[in-house]
C-alpha atoms as a PDB file:
ATOM      1  CA  MET A   1    -241.139-166.640  52.478  1.00  0.00           C
ATOM      2  CA  GLY A   2    -244.622-165.999  53.614  1.00  0.00           C
ATOM      3  CA  ALA A   3    -243.978-167.225  57.019  1.00  0.00           C
ATOM      4  CA  ASN A   4    -240.986-165.160  57.304  1.00  0.00           C
ATOM      5  CA  ILE A   5    -242.608-161.866  56.309  1.00  0.00           C
ATOM      6  CA  SER A   6    -245.538-162.298  58.640  1.00  0.00           C
ATOM      7  CA  GLY A   7    -243.270-162.642  61.575  1.00  0.00           C
ATOM      8  CA  VAL A   8    -241.750-159.487  60.859  1.00  0.00           C
ATOM      9  CA  ALA A   9    -242.482-156.935  63.753  1.00  0.00           C
ATOM     10  CA  PRO A  10    -244.301-153.822  62.589  1.00  0.00           C
ATOM     11  CA  CYS A  11    -241.917-150.554  62.784  1.00  0.00           C
ATOM     12  CA  THR A  12    -243.308-147.055  63.870  1.00  0.00           C
ATOM     13  CA  ASN A  13    -242.428-144.173  62.031  1.00  0.00           C
ATOM     14  CA  GLY A  14    -243.623-140.991  63.704  1.00  0.00           C
ATOM     15  CA  GLY A  15    -246.347-142.687  65.731  1.00  0.00           C
ATOM     16  CA  ASN A  16    -247.682-144.701  62.443  1.00  0.00           C
ATOM     17  CA  PRO A  17    -247.390-148.320  62.236  1.00  0.00           C
ATOM     18  CA  SER A  18    -246.133-149.631  58.745  1.00  0.00           C
ATOM     19  CA  LEU A  19    -247.522-152.824  58.306  1.00  0.00           C
ATOM     20  CA  LYS A  20    -246.387-153.590  54.625  1.00  0.00           C
ATOM     21  CA  PRO A  21    -243.304-155.664  54.248  1.00  0.00           C
ATOM     22  CA  ARG A  22    -240.427-153.953  52.009  1.00  0.00           C
ATOM     23  CA  LEU A  23    -238.331-155.307  49.627  1.00  0.00           C
ATOM     24  CA  GLY A  24    -235.313-155.278  51.582  1.00  0.00           C
ATOM     25  CA  ASP A  25    -237.289-157.608  54.357  1.00  0.00           C
ATOM     26  CA  ILE A  26    -236.700-160.833  51.412  1.00  0.00           C
ATOM     27  CA  PRO A  27    -234.282-163.480  52.845  1.00  0.00           C
ATOM     28  CA  GLU A  28    -231.357-163.860  50.603  1.00  0.00           C
ATOM     29  CA  SER A  29    -232.154-167.481  50.068  1.00  0.00           C
ATOM     30  CA  CYS A  30    -235.751-166.760  48.618  1.00  0.00           C
ATOM     31  CA  ALA A  31    -233.966-163.985  46.568  1.00  0.00           C
ATOM     32  CA  ALA A  32    -231.322-166.324  45.587  1.00  0.00           C
ATOM     33  CA  LEU A  33    -234.068-168.797  44.204  1.00  0.00           C
ATOM     34  CA  VAL A  34    -235.454-165.910  41.910  1.00  0.00           C
ATOM     35  CA  LEU A  35    -231.972-165.081  40.648  1.00  0.00           C
ATOM     36  CA  MET A  36    -231.341-168.608  39.494  1.00  0.00           C
ATOM     37  CA  TYR A  37    -233.705-168.300  36.607  1.00  0.00           C
ATOM     38  CA  LEU A  38    -232.493-165.398  35.112  1.00  0.00           C
ATOM     39  CA  ASP A  39    -229.812-164.475  32.809  1.00  0.00           C
ATOM     40  CA  PRO A  40    -226.541-163.003  33.859  1.00  0.00           C
ATOM     41  CA  PRO A  41    -227.101-159.450  32.975  1.00  0.00           C
ATOM     42  CA  GLU A  42    -230.695-159.575  34.777  1.00  0.00           C
ATOM     43  CA  ILE A  43    -228.858-160.968  37.797  1.00  0.00           C
ATOM     44  CA  CYS A  44    -226.193-158.093  38.064  1.00  0.00           C
ATOM     45  CA  LYS A  45    -229.237-155.259  37.597  1.00  0.00           C
ATOM     46  CA  LEU A  46    -231.229-157.213  40.437  1.00  0.00           C
ATOM     47  CA  ALA A  47    -228.171-157.116  42.709  1.00  0.00           C
ATOM     48  CA  ARG A  48    -228.081-153.249  42.609  1.00  0.00           C
ATOM     49  CA  LEU A  49    -231.532-153.152  44.333  1.00  0.00           C
ATOM     50  CA  ASN A  50    -230.674-153.829  47.715  1.00  0.00           C
ATOM     51  CA  ARG A  51    -228.440-155.891  50.258  1.00  0.00           C
ATOM     52  CA  ALA A  52    -230.584-159.109  50.268  1.00  0.00           C
ATOM     53  CA  PHE A  53    -230.214-159.029  46.152  1.00  0.00           C
ATOM     54  CA  ARG A  54    -226.661-158.180  46.350  1.00  0.00           C
ATOM     55  CA  GLY A  55    -225.685-161.012  48.896  1.00  0.00           C
ATOM     56  CA  ALA A  56    -227.805-163.607  46.957  1.00  0.00           C
ATOM     57  CA  SER A  57    -226.235-162.634  43.597  1.00  0.00           C
ATOM     58  CA  SER A  58    -222.845-164.312  44.950  1.00  0.00           C
ATOM     59  CA  ALA A  59    -224.280-167.764  45.973  1.00  0.00           C
ATOM     60  CA  ASP A  60    -222.269-170.256  43.911  1.00  0.00           C
ATOM     61  CA  PHE A  61    -225.134-172.421  42.943  1.00  0.00           C
ATOM     62  CA  ILE A  62    -226.771-169.481  40.919  1.00  0.00           C
ATOM     63  CA  TRP A  63    -223.607-169.108  38.923  1.00  0.00           C
ATOM     64  CA  ASP A  64    -222.913-172.945  38.903  1.00  0.00           C
ATOM     65  CA  SER A  65    -225.981-173.309  36.264  1.00  0.00           C
ATOM     66  CA  LYS A  66    -224.677-170.056  34.177  1.00  0.00           C
ATOM     67  CA  LEU A  67    -221.188-171.625  33.344  1.00  0.00           C
ATOM     68  CA  PRO A  68    -220.606-173.811  30.440  1.00  0.00           C
ATOM     69  CA  SER A  69    -219.941-177.197  31.024  1.00  0.00           C
ATOM     70  CA  ASN A  70    -216.294-177.188  30.325  1.00  0.00           C
ATOM     71  CA  TYR A  71    -215.521-174.338  32.610  1.00  0.00           C
ATOM     72  CA  ARG A  72    -212.854-176.414  34.631  1.00  0.00           C
ATOM     73  CA  PHE A  73    -211.111-176.935  31.185  1.00  0.00           C
ATOM     74  CA  LEU A  74    -210.637-173.005  30.421  1.00  0.00           C
ATOM     75  CA  VAL A  75    -209.846-172.046  34.206  1.00  0.00           C
ATOM     76  CA  ASP A  76    -206.759-174.575  33.802  1.00  0.00           C
ATOM     77  CA  LYS A  77    -205.941-173.384  30.270  1.00  0.00           C
ATOM     78  CA  LEU A  78    -206.625-169.467  30.597  1.00  0.00           C
ATOM     79  CA  LEU A  79    -206.487-168.385  34.162  1.00  0.00           C
ATOM     80  CA  ASP A  80    -203.659-168.253  36.842  1.00  0.00           C
ATOM     81  CA  GLU A  81    -203.491-170.420  39.801  1.00  0.00           C
ATOM     82  CA  SER A  82    -205.244-167.946  41.984  1.00  0.00           C
ATOM     83  CA  ALA A  83    -208.557-168.762  40.370  1.00  0.00           C
ATOM     84  CA  VAL A  84    -208.563-171.643  42.518  1.00  0.00           C
ATOM     85  CA  THR A  85    -209.898-169.620  45.420  1.00  0.00           C
ATOM     86  CA  LEU A  86    -212.326-167.660  43.406  1.00  0.00           C
ATOM     87  CA  GLY A  87    -216.282-168.193  43.913  1.00  0.00           C
ATOM     88  CA  LYS A  88    -218.172-168.885  41.031  1.00  0.00           C
ATOM     89  CA  LYS A  89    -219.893-165.777  40.219  1.00  0.00           C
ATOM     90  CA  ASP A  90    -215.945-164.173  39.967  1.00  0.00           C
ATOM     91  CA  ILE A  91    -214.965-167.225  37.556  1.00  0.00           C
ATOM     92  CA  TYR A  92    -218.012-166.177  35.450  1.00  0.00           C
ATOM     93  CA  ALA A  93    -216.669-162.347  35.600  1.00  0.00           C
ATOM     94  CA  ARG A  94    -212.899-163.767  34.672  1.00  0.00           C
ATOM     95  CA  LEU A  95    -213.803-165.898  31.777  1.00  0.00           C
ATOM     96  CA  CYS A  96    -216.296-163.067  30.312  1.00  0.00           C
ATOM     97  CA  ARG A  97    -213.227-160.989  29.692  1.00  0.00           C
ATOM     98  CA  PRO A  98    -211.033-161.596  26.707  1.00  0.00           C
ATOM     99  CA  ASN A  99    -208.448-164.408  27.610  1.00  0.00           C
ATOM    100  CA  PRO A 100    -205.613-164.975  25.532  1.00  0.00           C
ATOM    101  CA  PHE A 101    -203.397-167.868  24.867  1.00  0.00           C
ATOM    102  CA  ASP A 102    -200.981-169.702  22.517  1.00  0.00           C
ATOM    103  CA  GLY A 103    -198.720-166.487  22.756  1.00  0.00           C
ATOM    104  CA  GLY A 104    -201.719-163.951  22.573  1.00  0.00           C
ATOM    105  CA  THR A 105    -202.729-164.934  19.123  1.00  0.00           C
ATOM    106  CA  LYS A 106    -205.995-166.635  20.302  1.00  0.00           C
ATOM    107  CA  GLU A 107    -208.555-165.486  22.766  1.00  0.00           C
ATOM    108  CA  VAL A 108    -211.511-166.968  24.431  1.00  0.00           C
ATOM    109  CA  TRP A 109    -214.338-165.635  26.352  1.00  0.00           C
ATOM    110  CA  LEU A 110    -218.083-166.054  27.480  1.00  0.00           C
ATOM    111  CA  ASP A 111    -220.744-164.323  25.679  1.00  0.00           C
ATOM    112  CA  LYS A 112    -222.158-162.050  29.045  1.00  0.00           C
ATOM    113  CA  GLN A 113    -225.848-163.057  27.954  1.00  0.00           C
ATOM    114  CA  THR A 114    -225.748-166.565  27.329  1.00  0.00           C
ATOM    115  CA  GLY A 115    -222.760-168.062  28.819  1.00  0.00           C
ATOM    116  CA  GLY A 116    -221.623-169.518  25.331  1.00  0.00           C
ATOM    117  CA  VAL A 117    -217.792-170.097  24.390  1.00  0.00           C
ATOM    118  CA  CYS A 118    -216.663-167.780  21.772  1.00  0.00           C
ATOM    119  CA  LEU A 119    -213.059-167.766  20.234  1.00  0.00           C
ATOM    120  CA  SER A 120    -211.159-165.477  18.280  1.00  0.00           C
ATOM    121  CA  ILE A 121    -207.761-166.411  16.169  1.00  0.00           C
ATOM    122  CA  SER A 122    -205.675-163.563  14.812  1.00  0.00           C
ATOM    123  CA  SER A 123    -204.172-163.162  11.526  1.00  0.00           C
ATOM    124  CA  LYS A 124    -200.790-163.983  13.156  1.00  0.00           C
ATOM    125  CA  ALA A 125    -201.861-167.512  14.354  1.00  0.00           C
ATOM    126  CA  LEU A 126    -202.898-168.243  10.339  1.00  0.00           C
ATOM    127  CA  THR A 127    -200.945-169.902   7.820  1.00  0.00           C
ATOM    128  CA  ILE A 128    -201.170-167.417   4.725  1.00  0.00           C
ATOM    129  CA  THR A 129    -199.297-168.412   1.476  1.00  0.00           C
ATOM    130  CA  GLY A 130    -196.832-165.617   0.788  1.00  0.00           C
ATOM    131  CA  ILE A 131    -197.360-163.905   3.815  1.00  0.00           C
ATOM    132  CA  ASP A 132    -193.333-163.351   4.598  1.00  0.00           C
ATOM    133  CA  ASP A 133    -192.947-161.584   0.965  1.00  0.00           C
ATOM    134  CA  ARG A 134    -193.394-157.921   1.535  1.00  0.00           C
ATOM    135  CA  ARG A 135    -194.125-157.593  -2.182  1.00  0.00           C
ATOM    136  CA  TYR A 136    -197.713-159.074  -1.756  1.00  0.00           C
ATOM    137  CA  TRP A 137    -198.359-158.984   1.995  1.00  0.00           C
ATOM    138  CA  ASN A 138    -197.616-156.848   5.257  1.00  0.00           C
ATOM    139  CA  HIS A 139    -198.908-157.074   8.766  1.00  0.00           C
ATOM    140  CA  ILE A 140    -200.021-153.501   9.569  1.00  0.00           C
ATOM    141  CA  SER A 141    -201.170-152.116  13.082  1.00  0.00           C
ATOM    142  CA  THR A 142    -204.826-150.935  13.633  1.00  0.00           C
ATOM    143  CA  ASP A 143    -207.175-150.333  16.378  1.00  0.00           C
ATOM    144  CA  GLU A 144    -210.145-151.922  14.268  1.00  0.00           C
ATOM    145  CA  SER A 145    -208.776-155.479  15.466  1.00  0.00           C
ATOM    146  CA  ARG A 146    -208.996-156.924  18.978  1.00  0.00           C
ATOM    147  CA  PHE A 147    -205.468-157.984  18.168  1.00  0.00           C
ATOM    148  CA  GLN A 148    -204.252-154.778  16.958  1.00  0.00           C
ATOM    149  CA  THR A 149    -202.914-155.838  13.720  1.00  0.00           C
ATOM    150  CA  VAL A 150    -203.946-157.519  10.596  1.00  0.00           C
ATOM    151  CA  ALA A 151    -202.596-159.125   7.530  1.00  0.00           C
ATOM    152  CA  TYR A 152    -202.762-156.796   4.537  1.00  0.00           C
ATOM    153  CA  LEU A 153    -202.880-158.247   0.936  1.00  0.00           C
ATOM    154  CA  GLN A 154    -201.625-155.784  -1.913  1.00  0.00           C
ATOM    155  CA  GLN A 155    -201.646-158.111  -4.518  1.00  0.00           C
ATOM    156  CA  THR A 156    -201.379-161.834  -5.577  1.00  0.00           C
ATOM    157  CA  TRP A 157    -202.378-164.549  -7.843  1.00  0.00           C
ATOM    158  CA  TRP A 158    -202.592-167.183  -5.369  1.00  0.00           C
ATOM    159  CA  PHE A 159    -204.682-166.577  -2.499  1.00  0.00           C
ATOM    160  CA  GLU A 160    -204.852-169.251   0.894  1.00  0.00           C
ATOM    161  CA  VAL A 161    -205.097-168.770   4.215  1.00  0.00           C
ATOM    162  CA  ASP A 162    -205.154-171.811   6.490  1.00  0.00           C
ATOM    163  CA  GLY A 163    -205.644-172.365  10.338  1.00  0.00           C
ATOM    164  CA  GLU A 164    -206.777-174.593  12.867  1.00  0.00           C
ATOM    165  CA  VAL A 165    -207.282-174.985  16.519  1.00  0.00           C
ATOM    166  CA  GLU A 166    -208.108-177.586  19.091  1.00  0.00           C
ATOM    167  CA  LEU A 167    -210.471-176.875  22.039  1.00  0.00           C
ATOM    168  CA  GLN A 168    -212.923-178.296  24.478  1.00  0.00           C
ATOM    169  CA  PHE A 169    -216.459-176.967  23.567  1.00  0.00           C
ATOM    170  CA  PRO A 170    -220.077-177.251  25.608  1.00  0.00           C
ATOM    171  CA  ALA A 171    -222.464-178.998  23.786  1.00  0.00           C
ATOM    172  CA  GLY A 172    -224.268-177.338  20.810  1.00  0.00           C
ATOM    173  CA  THR A 173    -224.296-175.869  17.446  1.00  0.00           C
ATOM    174  CA  TYR A 174    -221.305-173.501  16.529  1.00  0.00           C
ATOM    175  CA  SER A 175    -220.954-171.070  13.492  1.00  0.00           C
ATOM    176  CA  VAL A 176    -217.331-170.224  12.262  1.00  0.00           C
ATOM    177  CA  PHE A 177    -216.454-166.922  10.677  1.00  0.00           C
ATOM    178  CA  PHE A 178    -213.873-164.996   8.568  1.00  0.00           C
ATOM    179  CA  ARG A 179    -213.308-161.112   9.525  1.00  0.00           C
ATOM    180  CA  LEU A 180    -212.359-159.549   6.454  1.00  0.00           C
ATOM    181  CA  HIS A 181    -212.032-156.174   4.755  1.00  0.00           C
ATOM    182  CA  LEU A 182    -211.867-154.824   1.427  1.00  0.00           C
ATOM    183  CA  GLY A 183    -209.442-151.724   1.423  1.00  0.00           C
ATOM    184  CA  ARG A 184    -206.894-150.226   3.855  1.00  0.00           C
ATOM    185  CA  ALA A 185    -208.490-148.116   6.550  1.00  0.00           C
ATOM    186  CA  SER A 186    -206.441-145.439   8.427  1.00  0.00           C
ATOM    187  CA  LYS A 187    -207.309-142.060  10.485  1.00  0.00           C
ATOM    188  CA  ARG A 188    -206.684-138.504   8.977  1.00  0.00           C
ATOM    189  CA  LEU A 189    -207.668-135.666  11.290  1.00  0.00           C
ATOM    190  CA  VAL A 190    -209.517-138.084  13.648  1.00  0.00           C
ATOM    191  CA  ARG A 191    -211.547-139.128  10.420  1.00  0.00           C
ATOM    192  CA  ARG A 192    -211.512-142.800   9.512  1.00  0.00           C
ATOM    193  CA  VAL A 193    -210.666-143.206   5.729  1.00  0.00           C
ATOM    194  CA  CYS A 194    -210.554-146.246   3.445  1.00  0.00           C
ATOM    195  CA  ASN A 195    -207.800-146.340   0.728  1.00  0.00           C
ATOM    196  CA  SER A 196    -209.384-148.985  -2.121  1.00  0.00           C
ATOM    197  CA  GLU A 197    -206.617-148.158  -4.342  1.00  0.00           C
ATOM    198  CA  HIS A 198    -205.465-151.986  -4.453  1.00  0.00           C
ATOM    199  CA  VAL A 199    -209.017-153.434  -4.231  1.00  0.00           C
ATOM    200  CA  HIS A 200    -209.645-155.682  -7.362  1.00  0.00           C
ATOM    201  CA  GLY A 201    -210.498-159.061  -8.529  1.00  0.00           C
ATOM    202  CA  TRP A 202    -213.012-160.368  -5.913  1.00  0.00           C
ATOM    203  CA  ASP A 203    -215.800-159.756  -8.363  1.00  0.00           C
ATOM    204  CA  ILE A 204    -214.319-162.205 -10.568  1.00  0.00           C
ATOM    205  CA  LYS A 205    -214.242-165.508  -8.950  1.00  0.00           C
ATOM    206  CA  PRO A 206    -215.792-166.096  -5.365  1.00  0.00           C
ATOM    207  CA  VAL A 207    -213.290-166.958  -2.543  1.00  0.00           C
ATOM    208  CA  GLN A 208    -214.128-170.801  -1.336  1.00  0.00           C
ATOM    209  CA  PHE A 209    -214.366-170.996   2.475  1.00  0.00           C
ATOM    210  CA  GLN A 210    -213.609-174.532   4.006  1.00  0.00           C
ATOM    211  CA  LEU A 211    -214.659-176.179   7.314  1.00  0.00           C
ATOM    212  CA  LYS A 212    -213.482-179.356   8.583  1.00  0.00           C
ATOM    213  CA  THR A 213    -213.665-180.894  12.436  1.00  0.00           C
ATOM    214  CA  SER A 214    -211.762-183.604  13.716  1.00  0.00           C
ATOM    215  CA  ASP A 215    -214.790-186.183  14.343  1.00  0.00           C
ATOM    216  CA  GLY A 216    -215.566-185.797  10.485  1.00  0.00           C
ATOM    217  CA  GLN A 217    -218.031-182.900   9.910  1.00  0.00           C
ATOM    218  CA  HIS A 218    -217.239-180.890   6.704  1.00  0.00           C
ATOM    219  CA  THR A 219    -218.766-177.910   4.799  1.00  0.00           C
ATOM    220  CA  ILE A 220    -217.720-175.502   1.960  1.00  0.00           C
ATOM    221  CA  SER A 221    -219.417-172.284   1.235  1.00  0.00           C
ATOM    222  CA  ARG A 222    -218.374-169.377  -1.560  1.00  0.00           C
ATOM    223  CA  CYS A 223    -218.700-165.966  -1.753  1.00  0.00           C
ATOM    224  CA  TYR A 224    -217.554-162.988  -3.582  1.00  0.00           C
ATOM    225  CA  LEU A 225    -216.100-160.225  -1.559  1.00  0.00           C
ATOM    226  CA  ASP A 226    -218.087-157.187  -1.099  1.00  0.00           C
ATOM    227  CA  ASN A 227    -218.798-153.853   0.569  1.00  0.00           C
ATOM    228  CA  PRO A 228    -215.316-152.055   0.552  1.00  0.00           C
ATOM    229  CA  GLY A 229    -214.521-149.924   3.635  1.00  0.00           C
ATOM    230  CA  ILE A 230    -216.644-152.030   6.143  1.00  0.00           C
ATOM    231  CA  TRP A 231    -215.584-155.279   8.230  1.00  0.00           C
ATOM    232  CA  VAL A 232    -217.511-158.282   7.114  1.00  0.00           C
ATOM    233  CA  HIS A 233    -218.063-161.379   8.949  1.00  0.00           C
ATOM    234  CA  TYR A 234    -218.010-164.202   6.013  1.00  0.00           C
ATOM    235  CA  HIS A 235    -219.778-167.273   7.520  1.00  0.00           C
ATOM    236  CA  MET A 236    -217.922-170.516   6.452  1.00  0.00           C
ATOM    237  CA  GLY A 237    -220.210-172.853   7.850  1.00  0.00           C
ATOM    238  CA  ASP A 238    -221.199-174.514  11.431  1.00  0.00           C
ATOM    239  CA  PHE A 239    -220.197-177.817  13.375  1.00  0.00           C
ATOM    240  CA  VAL A 240    -221.863-179.572  16.371  1.00  0.00           C
ATOM    241  CA  ILE A 241    -220.612-180.618  19.261  1.00  0.00           C
ATOM    242  CA  GLU A 242    -222.302-183.731  20.948  1.00  0.00           C
ATOM    243  CA  LYS A 243    -219.228-185.123  23.101  1.00  0.00           C
ATOM    244  CA  PRO A 244    -218.769-181.956  25.525  1.00  0.00           C
ATOM    245  CA  ASN A 245    -215.646-183.683  27.206  1.00  0.00           C
ATOM    246  CA  ALA A 246    -213.416-184.602  24.212  1.00  0.00           C
ATOM    247  CA  LEU A 247    -210.960-182.005  22.418  1.00  0.00           C
ATOM    248  CA  THR A 248    -212.161-180.876  19.027  1.00  0.00           C
ATOM    249  CA  LYS A 249    -209.804-179.799  16.558  1.00  0.00           C
ATOM    250  CA  ILE A 250    -211.161-177.409  14.038  1.00  0.00           C
ATOM    251  CA  LYS A 251    -209.597-176.573  10.426  1.00  0.00           C
ATOM    252  CA  PHE A 252    -210.447-173.724   8.261  1.00  0.00           C
ATOM    253  CA  SER A 253    -209.425-172.222   4.981  1.00  0.00           C
ATOM    254  CA  ALA A 254    -209.935-169.421   2.659  1.00  0.00           C
ATOM    255  CA  THR A 255    -209.097-169.756  -0.796  1.00  0.00           C
ATOM    256  CA  GLN A 256    -209.073-167.995  -4.395  1.00  0.00           C
ATOM    257  CA  ILE A 257    -206.624-169.917  -6.637  1.00  0.00           C
ATOM    258  CA  ASP A 258    -207.739-168.847 -10.007  1.00  0.00           C
ATOM    259  CA  CYS A 259    -204.581-167.790 -11.735  1.00  0.00           C
ATOM    260  CA  THR A 260    -206.159-166.098 -14.636  1.00  0.00           C
ATOM    261  CA  HIS A 261    -206.127-162.695 -12.431  1.00  0.00           C
ATOM    262  CA  THR A 262    -204.687-161.115  -9.795  1.00  0.00           C
ATOM    263  CA  LYS A 263    -206.537-159.976  -6.795  1.00  0.00           C
ATOM    264  CA  GLY A 264    -205.707-157.518  -3.932  1.00  0.00           C
ATOM    265  CA  GLY A 265    -206.647-154.783  -1.550  1.00  0.00           C
ATOM    266  CA  LEU A 266    -207.613-157.125   1.703  1.00  0.00           C
ATOM    267  CA  CYS A 267    -207.373-157.046   4.917  1.00  0.00           C
ATOM    268  CA  VAL A 268    -207.410-160.392   6.916  1.00  0.00           C
ATOM    269  CA  ASP A 269    -208.124-160.072  10.879  1.00  0.00           C
ATOM    270  CA  SER A 270    -209.279-163.182  12.336  1.00  0.00           C
ATOM    271  CA  VAL A 271    -211.442-166.292  12.231  1.00  0.00           C
ATOM    272  CA  LEU A 272    -214.393-166.352  15.059  1.00  0.00           C
ATOM    273  CA  ILE A 273    -215.816-169.337  16.313  1.00  0.00           C
ATOM    274  CA  TYR A 274    -219.546-168.279  18.148  1.00  0.00           C
ATOM    275  CA  PRO A 275    -222.222-170.193  19.470  1.00  0.00           C
ATOM    276  CA  ARG A 276    -225.098-170.413  16.684  1.00  0.00           C
ATOM    277  CA  SER A 277    -227.251-168.302  18.772  1.00  0.00           C
ATOM    278  CA  VAL A 278    -224.466-165.378  19.296  1.00  0.00           C
ATOM    279  CA  GLY A 279    -223.407-165.703  15.593  1.00  0.00           C
ATOM    280  CA  LYS A 280    -226.763-164.921  14.267  1.00  0.00           C
ATOM    281  CA  ARG A 281    -226.000-161.303  15.356  1.00  0.00           C
ATOM    282  CA  LEU A 282    -223.155-161.221  12.794  1.00  0.00           C
ATOM    283  CA  ASP A 283    -223.750-159.722   9.277  1.00  0.00           C
ATOM    284  CA  HIS A 284    -222.828-161.711   6.318  1.00  0.00           C
ATOM    285  CA  PHE A 285    -224.022-165.300   5.383  1.00  0.00           C
ATOM    286  CA  CYS A 286    -222.456-166.980   2.562  1.00  0.00           C
ATOM    287  CA  THR A 287    -224.304-169.074  -0.036  1.00  0.00           C
ATOM    288  CA  TRP A 288    -223.869-172.653   0.013  1.00  0.00           C
END
């Protein structure tokens, strides 16, 4: 880099020589070496500085280190055939968007800051006891869900929600959450309002959350559901991926089947799986 700069011929501006090298004189190869050690948001900011950083920011070897180890699996599963012609930077950008699969009931995306694999599973991909009986459950439309719909429970004696997903994850620790809401939210004169008419029974006995993986990991946690009118992420537990090239099946459930009392007024939105570093940003952890 130094030799390159020392060889730059001085230019003149109004008869006065300018001997100081400019930021734009940095070769793209040197700029790329700097960018390789930065996080994706920082790379994108520096790409706006000048032509050298903008050109360097598209180098495949930079983004190869930012993509998750299973990115080829994700590309094959989530993106169309045109993705095979994309550079690594464009693949990263495409994977950072929500990418639906299984009929749009599940979505995968990369966390923009860390490149970690995140997954969301909608209520329509879950097995909910009694969901077909409109006396107890309804699917309602809402813009407060990334899937634009949630399952709303009016009242039941037997609350049981199960689901599973199979995916290839990069090595690391992952946290699993249920996204739930006490009360039915709506908009009135552009203002958000929450109807808590049917909310009852959740303070008598806790909900049990259970998590199992195909390689034998198993956790149980329990929570009293609280904070009506607010979407809460209830932490079910964590699992560890040690073999990133293998498919891992994750099974999860939420149950409150004490039939001594009814419970109701609950919206079930989704199940979320995040790398633990990303999951720490969420707000509600259960007791074990």
